Amino acid sequence: MLLGTNLTGTIVFVAAFSIAMALGSVTGIGSEGIQTSFGGLLVVGLTVLYSRLRTGRWLSEIGEGSAILFLPAWAIGIFWSAFGVYKVIEKHVWG
């Protein structure tokens, strides 16, 4: 079961960031920070959706949903979203 959640997490992560990069390319938004934030939010959304479809609950227990390197994918998605916001602020505020 643990291997399955890591495999699912990897698939979710790759899918989310592929979508984010594709949308960034199509829309002309080349900002690394915006694409990273959007990819992180997609990871969170896809993980919660996967958990809901698989168990019928919204991540009500630790260990449900997908994982990446044994860490919850939603937590990694939140980190990546925050990192993307930091990159946008860094570029526009600190130059």
PDB file of N, CA and C in Angstrom:
ATOM      1  N   MET A   1       0.817  -1.197   0.000  1.00  0.00           N
ATOM      2  CA  MET A   1       0.000   0.000   0.000  1.00  0.00           C
ATOM      3  C   MET A   1       0.857   1.255   0.000  1.00  0.00           C
ATOM      4  N   LEU A   2       1.932   1.247   0.755  1.00  0.00           N
ATOM      5  CA  LEU A   2       2.794   2.413   0.809  1.00  0.00           C
ATOM      6  C   LEU A   2       3.419   2.715  -0.538  1.00  0.00           C
ATOM      7  N   LEU A   3       3.845   1.676  -1.255  1.00  0.00           N
ATOM      8  CA  LEU A   3       4.411   1.884  -2.572  1.00  0.00           C
ATOM      9  C   LEU A   3       3.373   2.489  -3.504  1.00  0.00           C
ATOM     10  N   GLY A   4       2.139   2.038  -3.398  1.00  0.00           N
ATOM     11  CA  GLY A   4       1.071   2.567  -4.234  1.00  0.00           C
ATOM     12  C   GLY A   4       0.821   4.038  -4.009  1.00  0.00           C
ATOM     13  N   THR A   5       0.890   4.482  -2.761  1.00  0.00           N
ATOM     14  CA  THR A   5       0.657   5.894  -2.493  1.00  0.00           C
ATOM     15  C   THR A   5       1.804   6.740  -3.022  1.00  0.00           C
ATOM     16  N   ASN A   6       3.031   6.236  -2.948  1.00  0.00           N
ATOM     17  CA  ASN A   6       4.151   6.979  -3.509  1.00  0.00           C
ATOM     18  C   ASN A   6       4.075   7.021  -5.028  1.00  0.00           C
ATOM     19  N   LEU A   7       3.649   5.938  -5.646  1.00  0.00           N
ATOM     20  CA  LEU A   7       3.479   5.914  -7.096  1.00  0.00           C
ATOM     21  C   LEU A   7       2.379   6.896  -7.495  1.00  0.00           C
ATOM     22  N   THR A   8       1.284   6.887  -6.776  1.00  0.00           N
ATOM     23  CA  THR A   8       0.194   7.818  -7.057  1.00  0.00           C
ATOM     24  C   THR A   8       0.658   9.257  -6.850  1.00  0.00           C
ATOM     25  N   GLY A   9       1.393   9.496  -5.787  1.00  0.00           N
ATOM     26  CA  GLY A   9       1.909  10.841  -5.526  1.00  0.00           C
ATOM     27  C   GLY A   9       2.822  11.329  -6.630  1.00  0.00           C
ATOM     28  N   THR A  10       3.667  10.446  -7.130  1.00  0.00           N
ATOM     29  CA  THR A  10       4.565  10.810  -8.226  1.00  0.00           C
ATOM     30  C   THR A  10       3.769  11.133  -9.482  1.00  0.00           C
ATOM     31  N   ILE A  11       2.759  10.334  -9.770  1.00  0.00           N
ATOM     32  CA  ILE A  11       1.913  10.587 -10.938  1.00  0.00           C
ATOM     33  C   ILE A  11       1.179  11.911 -10.790  1.00  0.00           C
ATOM     34  N   VAL A  12       0.629  12.167  -9.602  1.00  0.00           N
ATOM     35  CA  VAL A  12      -0.071  13.432  -9.349  1.00  0.00           C
ATOM     36  C   VAL A  12       0.891  14.599  -9.519  1.00  0.00           C
ATOM     37  N   PHE A  13       2.081  14.504  -8.961  1.00  0.00           N
ATOM     38  CA  PHE A  13       3.070  15.576  -9.035  1.00  0.00           C
ATOM     39  C   PHE A  13       3.465  15.863 -10.481  1.00  0.00           C
ATOM     40  N   VAL A  14       3.761  14.819 -11.243  1.00  0.00           N
ATOM     41  CA  VAL A  14       4.159  14.994 -12.645  1.00  0.00           C
ATOM     42  C   VAL A  14       3.000  15.576 -13.458  1.00  0.00           C
ATOM     43  N   ALA A  15       1.796  15.068 -13.234  1.00  0.00           N
ATOM     44  CA  ALA A  15       0.628  15.568 -13.969  1.00  0.00           C
ATOM     45  C   ALA A  15       0.365  17.041 -13.646  1.00  0.00           C
ATOM     46  N   ALA A  16       0.416  17.386 -12.375  1.00  0.00           N
ATOM     47  CA  ALA A  16       0.123  18.759 -11.970  1.00  0.00           C
ATOM     48  C   ALA A  16       1.126  19.738 -12.561  1.00  0.00           C
ATOM     49  N   PHE A  17       2.401  19.418 -12.477  1.00  0.00           N
ATOM     50  CA  PHE A  17       3.392  20.352 -12.991  1.00  0.00           C
ATOM     51  C   PHE A  17       3.469  20.337 -14.516  1.00  0.00           C
ATOM     52  N   SER A  18       3.087  19.241 -15.138  1.00  0.00           N
ATOM     53  CA  SER A  18       2.985  19.230 -16.601  1.00  0.00           C
ATOM     54  C   SER A  18       1.860  20.153 -17.056  1.00  0.00           C
ATOM     55  N   ILE A  19       0.732  20.084 -16.361  1.00  0.00           N
ATOM     56  CA  ILE A  19      -0.390  20.974 -16.678  1.00  0.00           C
ATOM     57  C   ILE A  19       0.008  22.428 -16.445  1.00  0.00           C
ATOM     58  N   ALA A  20       0.667  22.701 -15.325  1.00  0.00           N
ATOM     59  CA  ALA A  20       1.079  24.071 -15.007  1.00  0.00           C
ATOM     60  C   ALA A  20       2.050  24.614 -16.056  1.00  0.00           C
ATOM     61  N   MET A  21       3.008  23.813 -16.467  1.00  0.00           N
ATOM     62  CA  MET A  21       3.978  24.262 -17.474  1.00  0.00           C
ATOM     63  C   MET A  21       3.314  24.438 -18.842  1.00  0.00           C
ATOM     64  N   ALA A  22       2.404  23.540 -19.190  1.00  0.00           N
ATOM     65  CA  ALA A  22       1.696  23.639 -20.469  1.00  0.00           C
ATOM     66  C   ALA A  22       0.829  24.898 -20.506  1.00  0.00           C
ATOM     67  N   LEU A  23       0.082  25.145 -19.431  1.00  0.00           N
ATOM     68  CA  LEU A  23      -0.747  26.349 -19.377  1.00  0.00           C
ATOM     69  C   LEU A  23       0.106  27.616 -19.403  1.00  0.00           C
ATOM     70  N   GLY A  24       1.229  27.577 -18.724  1.00  0.00           N
ATOM     71  CA  GLY A  24       2.139  28.721 -18.753  1.00  0.00           C
ATOM     72  C   GLY A  24       2.674  28.979 -20.146  1.00  0.00           C
ATOM     73  N   SER A  25       2.966  27.921 -20.863  1.00  0.00           N
ATOM     74  CA  SER A  25       3.471  28.050 -22.227  1.00  0.00           C
ATOM     75  C   SER A  25       2.393  28.567 -23.175  1.00  0.00           C
ATOM     76  N   VAL A  26       1.187  28.037 -23.047  1.00  0.00           N
ATOM     77  CA  VAL A  26       0.083  28.427 -23.930  1.00  0.00           C
ATOM     78  C   VAL A  26      -0.338  29.874 -23.669  1.00  0.00           C
ATOM     79  N   THR A  27      -0.394  30.266 -22.415  1.00  0.00           N
ATOM     80  CA  THR A  27      -0.851  31.615 -22.075  1.00  0.00           C
ATOM     81  C   THR A  27       0.261  32.653 -22.148  1.00  0.00           C
ATOM     82  N   GLY A  28       1.485  32.210 -22.263  1.00  0.00           N
ATOM     83  CA  GLY A  28       2.601  33.141 -22.336  1.00  0.00           C
ATOM     84  C   GLY A  28       3.103  33.613 -20.987  1.00  0.00           C
ATOM     85  N   ILE A  29       2.601  32.992 -19.913  1.00  0.00           N
ATOM     86  CA  ILE A  29       3.078  33.346 -18.573  1.00  0.00           C
ATOM     87  C   ILE A  29       4.352  32.553 -18.325  1.00  0.00           C
ATOM     88  N   GLY A  30       5.467  33.221 -18.457  1.00  0.00           N
ATOM     89  CA  GLY A  30       6.740  32.536 -18.313  1.00  0.00           C
ATOM     90  C   GLY A  30       7.329  32.621 -16.923  1.00  0.00           C
ATOM     91  N   SER A  31       6.580  33.221 -16.000  1.00  0.00           N
ATOM     92  CA  SER A  31       7.087  33.392 -14.647  1.00  0.00           C
ATOM     93  C   SER A  31       7.186  32.048 -13.940  1.00  0.00           C
ATOM     94  N   GLU A  32       8.391  31.737 -13.524  1.00  0.00           N
ATOM     95  CA  GLU A  32       8.626  30.477 -12.818  1.00  0.00           C
ATOM     96  C   GLU A  32       7.828  30.414 -11.521  1.00  0.00           C
ATOM     97  N   GLY A  33       7.713  31.531 -10.829  1.00  0.00           N
ATOM     98  CA  GLY A  33       6.994  31.563  -9.566  1.00  0.00           C
ATOM     99  C   GLY A  33       5.512  31.290  -9.732  1.00  0.00           C
ATOM    100  N   ILE A  34       4.896  31.866 -10.754  1.00  0.00           N
ATOM    101  CA  ILE A  34       3.464  31.656 -10.978  1.00  0.00           C
ATOM    102  C   ILE A  34       3.205  30.209 -11.369  1.00  0.00           C
ATOM    103  N   GLN A  35       4.038  29.657 -12.238  1.00  0.00           N
ATOM    104  CA  GLN A  35       3.870  28.259 -12.639  1.00  0.00           C
ATOM    105  C   GLN A  35       4.079  27.320 -11.455  1.00  0.00           C
ATOM    106  N   THR A  36       5.034  27.620 -10.596  1.00  0.00           N
ATOM    107  CA  THR A  36       5.286  26.797  -9.421  1.00  0.00           C
ATOM    108  C   THR A  36       4.100  26.856  -8.459  1.00  0.00           C
ATOM    109  N   SER A  37       3.573  28.056  -8.231  1.00  0.00           N
ATOM    110  CA  SER A  37       2.406  28.193  -7.345  1.00  0.00           C
ATOM    111  C   SER A  37       1.209  27.441  -7.891  1.00  0.00           C
ATOM    112  N   PHE A  38       0.966  27.583  -9.177  1.00  0.00           N
ATOM    113  CA  PHE A  38      -0.173  26.907  -9.788  1.00  0.00           C
ATOM    114  C   PHE A  38       0.012  25.388  -9.741  1.00  0.00           C
ATOM    115  N   GLY A  39       1.217  24.927 -10.008  1.00  0.00           N
ATOM    116  CA  GLY A  39       1.498  23.487  -9.923  1.00  0.00           C
ATOM    117  C   GLY A  39       1.284  22.952  -8.520  1.00  0.00           C
ATOM    118  N   GLY A  40       1.710  23.702  -7.516  1.00  0.00           N
ATOM    119  CA  GLY A  40       1.511  23.292  -6.126  1.00  0.00           C
ATOM    120  C   GLY A  40       0.038  23.210  -5.764  1.00  0.00           C
ATOM    121  N   LEU A  41      -0.741  24.195  -6.219  1.00  0.00           N
ATOM    122  CA  LEU A  41      -2.176  24.163  -5.958  1.00  0.00           C
ATOM    123  C   LEU A  41      -2.847  22.982  -6.665  1.00  0.00           C
ATOM    124  N   LEU A  42      -2.376  22.658  -7.865  1.00  0.00           N
ATOM    125  CA  LEU A  42      -2.908  21.487  -8.566  1.00  0.00           C
ATOM    126  C   LEU A  42      -2.576  20.197  -7.820  1.00  0.00           C
ATOM    127  N   VAL A  43      -1.374  20.113  -7.255  1.00  0.00           N
ATOM    128  CA  VAL A  43      -1.016  18.927  -6.465  1.00  0.00           C
ATOM    129  C   VAL A  43      -1.977  18.773  -5.291  1.00  0.00           C
ATOM    130  N   VAL A  44      -2.240  19.862  -4.585  1.00  0.00           N
ATOM    131  CA  VAL A  44      -3.168  19.808  -3.452  1.00  0.00           C
ATOM    132  C   VAL A  44      -4.550  19.377  -3.930  1.00  0.00           C
ATOM    133  N   GLY A  45      -5.051  20.013  -4.971  1.00  0.00           N
ATOM    134  CA  GLY A  45      -6.382  19.701  -5.477  1.00  0.00           C
ATOM    135  C   GLY A  45      -6.515  18.275  -5.974  1.00  0.00           C
ATOM    136  N   LEU A  46      -5.528  17.809  -6.733  1.00  0.00           N
ATOM    137  CA  LEU A  46      -5.589  16.445  -7.254  1.00  0.00           C
ATOM    138  C   LEU A  46      -5.471  15.403  -6.140  1.00  0.00           C
ATOM    139  N   THR A  47      -4.671  15.704  -5.122  1.00  0.00           N
ATOM    140  CA  THR A  47      -4.532  14.779  -3.992  1.00  0.00           C
ATOM    141  C   THR A  47      -5.831  14.667  -3.210  1.00  0.00           C
ATOM    142  N   VAL A  48      -6.459  15.801  -2.945  1.00  0.00           N
ATOM    143  CA  VAL A  48      -7.726  15.793  -2.212  1.00  0.00           C
ATOM    144  C   VAL A  48      -8.799  15.094  -3.047  1.00  0.00           C
ATOM    145  N   LEU A  49      -8.827  15.359  -4.345  1.00  0.00           N
ATOM    146  CA  LEU A  49      -9.798  14.694  -5.217  1.00  0.00           C
ATOM    147  C   LEU A  49      -9.569  13.186  -5.260  1.00  0.00           C
ATOM    148  N   TYR A  50      -8.316  12.775  -5.345  1.00  0.00           N
ATOM    149  CA  TYR A  50      -7.986  11.345  -5.351  1.00  0.00           C
ATOM    150  C   TYR A  50      -8.454  10.681  -4.047  1.00  0.00           C
ATOM    151  N   SER A  51      -8.201  11.335  -2.929  1.00  0.00           N
ATOM    152  CA  SER A  51      -8.629  10.790  -1.641  1.00  0.00           C
ATOM    153  C   SER A  51     -10.150  10.683  -1.574  1.00  0.00           C
ATOM    154  N   ARG A  52     -10.832  11.697  -2.062  1.00  0.00           N
ATOM    155  CA  ARG A  52     -12.300  11.700  -2.042  1.00  0.00           C
ATOM    156  C   ARG A  52     -12.856  10.566  -2.905  1.00  0.00           C
ATOM    157  N   LEU A  53     -12.292  10.382  -4.091  1.00  0.00           N
ATOM    158  CA  LEU A  53     -12.781   9.342  -4.989  1.00  0.00           C
ATOM    159  C   LEU A  53     -12.449   7.945  -4.474  1.00  0.00           C
ATOM    160  N   ARG A  54     -11.287   7.803  -3.828  1.00  0.00           N
ATOM    161  CA  ARG A  54     -10.858   6.491  -3.357  1.00  0.00           C
ATOM    162  C   ARG A  54     -11.558   6.068  -2.072  1.00  0.00           C
ATOM    163  N   THR A  55     -11.714   6.986  -1.135  1.00  0.00           N
ATOM    164  CA  THR A  55     -12.244   6.619   0.179  1.00  0.00           C
ATOM    165  C   THR A  55     -13.622   7.206   0.465  1.00  0.00           C
ATOM    166  N   GLY A  56     -14.021   8.199  -0.301  1.00  0.00           N
ATOM    167  CA  GLY A  56     -15.288   8.866  -0.032  1.00  0.00           C
ATOM    168  C   GLY A  56     -15.191   9.935   1.033  1.00  0.00           C
ATOM    169  N   ARG A  57     -13.990  10.215   1.530  1.00  0.00           N
ATOM    170  CA  ARG A  57     -13.777  11.239   2.562  1.00  0.00           C
ATOM    171  C   ARG A  57     -12.781  12.269   2.050  1.00  0.00           C
ATOM    172  N   TRP A  58     -12.698  13.387   2.737  1.00  0.00           N
ATOM    173  CA  TRP A  58     -11.802  14.481   2.360  1.00  0.00           C
ATOM    174  C   TRP A  58     -10.558  14.484   3.243  1.00  0.00           C
ATOM    175  N   LEU A  59      -9.662  13.551   3.046  1.00  0.00           N
ATOM    176  CA  LEU A  59      -8.399  13.481   3.804  1.00  0.00           C
ATOM    177  C   LEU A  59      -8.652  13.531   5.309  1.00  0.00           C
ATOM    178  N   SER A  60      -9.604  12.756   5.765  1.00  0.00           N
ATOM    179  CA  SER A  60      -9.963  12.808   7.176  1.00  0.00           C
ATOM    180  C   SER A  60      -8.985  12.061   8.072  1.00  0.00           C
ATOM    181  N   GLU A  61      -8.157  11.214   7.497  1.00  0.00           N
ATOM    182  CA  GLU A  61      -7.184  10.476   8.287  1.00  0.00           C
ATOM    183  C   GLU A  61      -5.793  10.644   7.700  1.00  0.00           C
ATOM    184  N   ILE A  62      -4.801  10.678   8.564  1.00  0.00           N
ATOM    185  CA  ILE A  62      -3.426  10.754   8.097  1.00  0.00           C
ATOM    186  C   ILE A  62      -3.113   9.482   7.311  1.00  0.00           C
ATOM    187  N   GLY A  63      -2.432   9.646   6.216  1.00  0.00           N
ATOM    188  CA  GLY A  63      -2.061   8.490   5.409  1.00  0.00           C
ATOM    189  C   GLY A  63      -2.980   8.240   4.237  1.00  0.00           C
ATOM    190  N   GLU A  64      -4.117   8.936   4.192  1.00  0.00           N
ATOM    191  CA  GLU A  64      -4.987   8.810   3.034  1.00  0.00           C
ATOM    192  C   GLU A  64      -4.478   9.731   1.940  1.00  0.00           C
ATOM    193  N   GLY A  65      -4.825   9.422   0.724  1.00  0.00           N
ATOM    194  CA  GLY A  65      -4.362  10.230  -0.385  1.00  0.00           C
ATOM    195  C   GLY A  65      -3.028   9.719  -0.886  1.00  0.00           C
ATOM    196  N   SER A  66      -2.360  10.540  -1.637  1.00  0.00           N
ATOM    197  CA  SER A  66      -1.091  10.128  -2.221  1.00  0.00           C
ATOM    198  C   SER A  66       0.075  10.729  -1.441  1.00  0.00           C
ATOM    199  N   ALA A  67       1.258  10.185  -1.686  1.00  0.00           N
ATOM    200  CA  ALA A  67       2.460  10.649  -0.986  1.00  0.00           C
ATOM    201  C   ALA A  67       3.606  10.761  -1.990  1.00  0.00           C
ATOM    202  N   ILE A  68       4.563  11.575  -1.645  1.00  0.00           N
ATOM    203  CA  ILE A  68       5.788  11.711  -2.421  1.00  0.00           C
ATOM    204  C   ILE A  68       6.928  11.558  -1.429  1.00  0.00           C
ATOM    205  N   LEU A  69       7.757  10.560  -1.637  1.00  0.00           N
ATOM    206  CA  LEU A  69       8.841  10.245  -0.699  1.00  0.00           C
ATOM    207  C   LEU A  69       8.302  10.099   0.721  1.00  0.00           C
ATOM    208  N   PHE A  70       7.169   9.441   0.848  1.00  0.00           N
ATOM    209  CA  PHE A  70       6.516   9.133   2.119  1.00  0.00           C
ATOM    210  C   PHE A  70       5.976  10.349   2.854  1.00  0.00           C
ATOM    211  N   LEU A  71       5.946  11.511   2.198  1.00  0.00           N
ATOM    212  CA  LEU A  71       5.335  12.715   2.764  1.00  0.00           C
ATOM    213  C   LEU A  71       4.016  12.957   2.042  1.00  0.00           C
ATOM    214  N   PRO A  72       3.004  13.464   2.736  1.00  0.00           N
ATOM    215  CA  PRO A  72       1.713  13.702   2.070  1.00  0.00           C
ATOM    216  C   PRO A  72       1.871  14.670   0.900  1.00  0.00           C
ATOM    217  N   ALA A  73       1.285  14.310  -0.233  1.00  0.00           N
ATOM    218  CA  ALA A  73       1.420  15.139  -1.436  1.00  0.00           C
ATOM    219  C   ALA A  73       0.787  16.512  -1.231  1.00  0.00           C
ATOM    220  N   TRP A  74      -0.292  16.583  -0.448  1.00  0.00           N
ATOM    221  CA  TRP A  74      -0.925  17.890  -0.228  1.00  0.00           C
ATOM    222  C   TRP A  74       0.017  18.828   0.514  1.00  0.00           C
ATOM    223  N   ALA A  75       0.810  18.303   1.434  1.00  0.00           N
ATOM    224  CA  ALA A  75       1.760  19.146   2.177  1.00  0.00           C
ATOM    225  C   ALA A  75       2.864  19.653   1.254  1.00  0.00           C
ATOM    226  N   ILE A  76       3.317  18.788   0.362  1.00  0.00           N
ATOM    227  CA  ILE A  76       4.340  19.207  -0.601  1.00  0.00           C
ATOM    228  C   ILE A  76       3.756  20.240  -1.556  1.00  0.00           C
ATOM    229  N   GLY A  77       2.482  20.065  -1.933  1.00  0.00           N
ATOM    230  CA  GLY A  77       1.820  21.048  -2.794  1.00  0.00           C
ATOM    231  C   GLY A  77       1.724  22.409  -2.135  1.00  0.00           C
ATOM    232  N   ILE A  78       1.399  22.432  -0.855  1.00  0.00           N
ATOM    233  CA  ILE A  78       1.345  23.704  -0.127  1.00  0.00           C
ATOM    234  C   ILE A  78       2.730  24.349  -0.084  1.00  0.00           C
ATOM    235  N   PHE A  79       3.765  23.547   0.160  1.00  0.00           N
ATOM    236  CA  PHE A  79       5.129  24.076   0.162  1.00  0.00           C
ATOM    237  C   PHE A  79       5.472  24.683  -1.191  1.00  0.00           C
ATOM    238  N   TRP A  80       5.181  23.976  -2.282  1.00  0.00           N
ATOM    239  CA  TRP A  80       5.504  24.477  -3.616  1.00  0.00           C
ATOM    240  C   TRP A  80       4.724  25.737  -3.937  1.00  0.00           C
ATOM    241  N   SER A  81       3.486  25.833  -3.505  1.00  0.00           N
ATOM    242  CA  SER A  81       2.705  27.051  -3.727  1.00  0.00           C
ATOM    243  C   SER A  81       3.336  28.232  -2.996  1.00  0.00           C
ATOM    244  N   ALA A  82       3.711  28.011  -1.743  1.00  0.00           N
ATOM    245  CA  ALA A  82       4.366  29.074  -0.972  1.00  0.00           C
ATOM    246  C   ALA A  82       5.705  29.458  -1.590  1.00  0.00           C
ATOM    247  N   PHE A  83       6.443  28.480  -2.072  1.00  0.00           N
ATOM    248  CA  PHE A  83       7.720  28.753  -2.721  1.00  0.00           C
ATOM    249  C   PHE A  83       7.509  29.574  -3.997  1.00  0.00           C
ATOM    250  N   GLY A  84       6.462  29.267  -4.743  1.00  0.00           N
ATOM    251  CA  GLY A  84       6.149  30.037  -5.951  1.00  0.00           C
ATOM    252  C   GLY A  84       5.816  31.480  -5.635  1.00  0.00           C
ATOM    253  N   VAL A  85       5.034  31.692  -4.576  1.00  0.00           N
ATOM    254  CA  VAL A  85       4.713  33.058  -4.153  1.00  0.00           C
ATOM    255  C   VAL A  85       5.992  33.789  -3.756  1.00  0.00           C
ATOM    256  N   TYR A  86       6.864  33.114  -3.037  1.00  0.00           N
ATOM    257  CA  TYR A  86       8.150  33.712  -2.666  1.00  0.00           C
ATOM    258  C   TYR A  86       8.946  34.122  -3.903  1.00  0.00           C
ATOM    259  N   LYS A  87       8.968  33.252  -4.932  1.00  0.00           N
ATOM    260  CA  LYS A  87       9.718  33.554  -6.156  1.00  0.00           C
ATOM    261  C   LYS A  87       9.142  34.782  -6.870  1.00  0.00           C
ATOM    262  N   VAL A  88       7.817  34.911  -6.875  1.00  0.00           N
ATOM    263  CA  VAL A  88       7.182  36.081  -7.501  1.00  0.00           C
ATOM    264  C   VAL A  88       7.547  37.342  -6.718  1.00  0.00           C
ATOM    265  N   ILE A  89       7.456  37.269  -5.401  1.00  0.00           N
ATOM    266  CA  ILE A  89       7.796  38.436  -4.581  1.00  0.00           C
ATOM    267  C   ILE A  89       9.260  38.785  -4.734  1.00  0.00           C
ATOM    268  N   GLU A  90      10.115  37.790  -4.733  1.00  0.00           N
ATOM    269  CA  GLU A  90      11.556  38.024  -4.893  1.00  0.00           C
ATOM    270  C   GLU A  90      11.847  38.743  -6.197  1.00  0.00           C
ATOM    271  N   LYS A  91      11.206  38.313  -7.253  1.00  0.00           N
ATOM    272  CA  LYS A  91      11.469  38.909  -8.574  1.00  0.00           C
ATOM    273  C   LYS A  91      10.972  40.340  -8.653  1.00  0.00           C
ATOM    274  N   HIS A  92       9.786  40.609  -8.116  1.00  0.00           N
ATOM    275  CA  HIS A  92       9.176  41.923  -8.279  1.00  0.00           C
ATOM    276  C   HIS A  92       9.552  42.923  -7.192  1.00  0.00           C
ATOM    277  N   VAL A  93       9.912  42.455  -6.024  1.00  0.00           N
ATOM    278  CA  VAL A  93      10.236  43.379  -4.944  1.00  0.00           C
ATOM    279  C   VAL A  93      11.746  43.596  -4.836  1.00  0.00           C
ATOM    280  N   TRP A  94      12.496  42.502  -4.834  1.00  0.00           N
ATOM    281  CA  TRP A  94      13.932  42.618  -4.640  1.00  0.00           C
ATOM    282  C   TRP A  94      14.696  42.658  -5.950  1.00  0.00           C
ATOM    283  N   GLY A  95      13.995  42.579  -7.044  1.00  0.00           N
ATOM    284  CA  GLY A  95      14.589  42.752  -8.344  1.00  0.00           C
ATOM    285  C   GLY A  95      15.194  41.578  -8.940  1.00  0.00           C
TER     286      GLY A  95
END
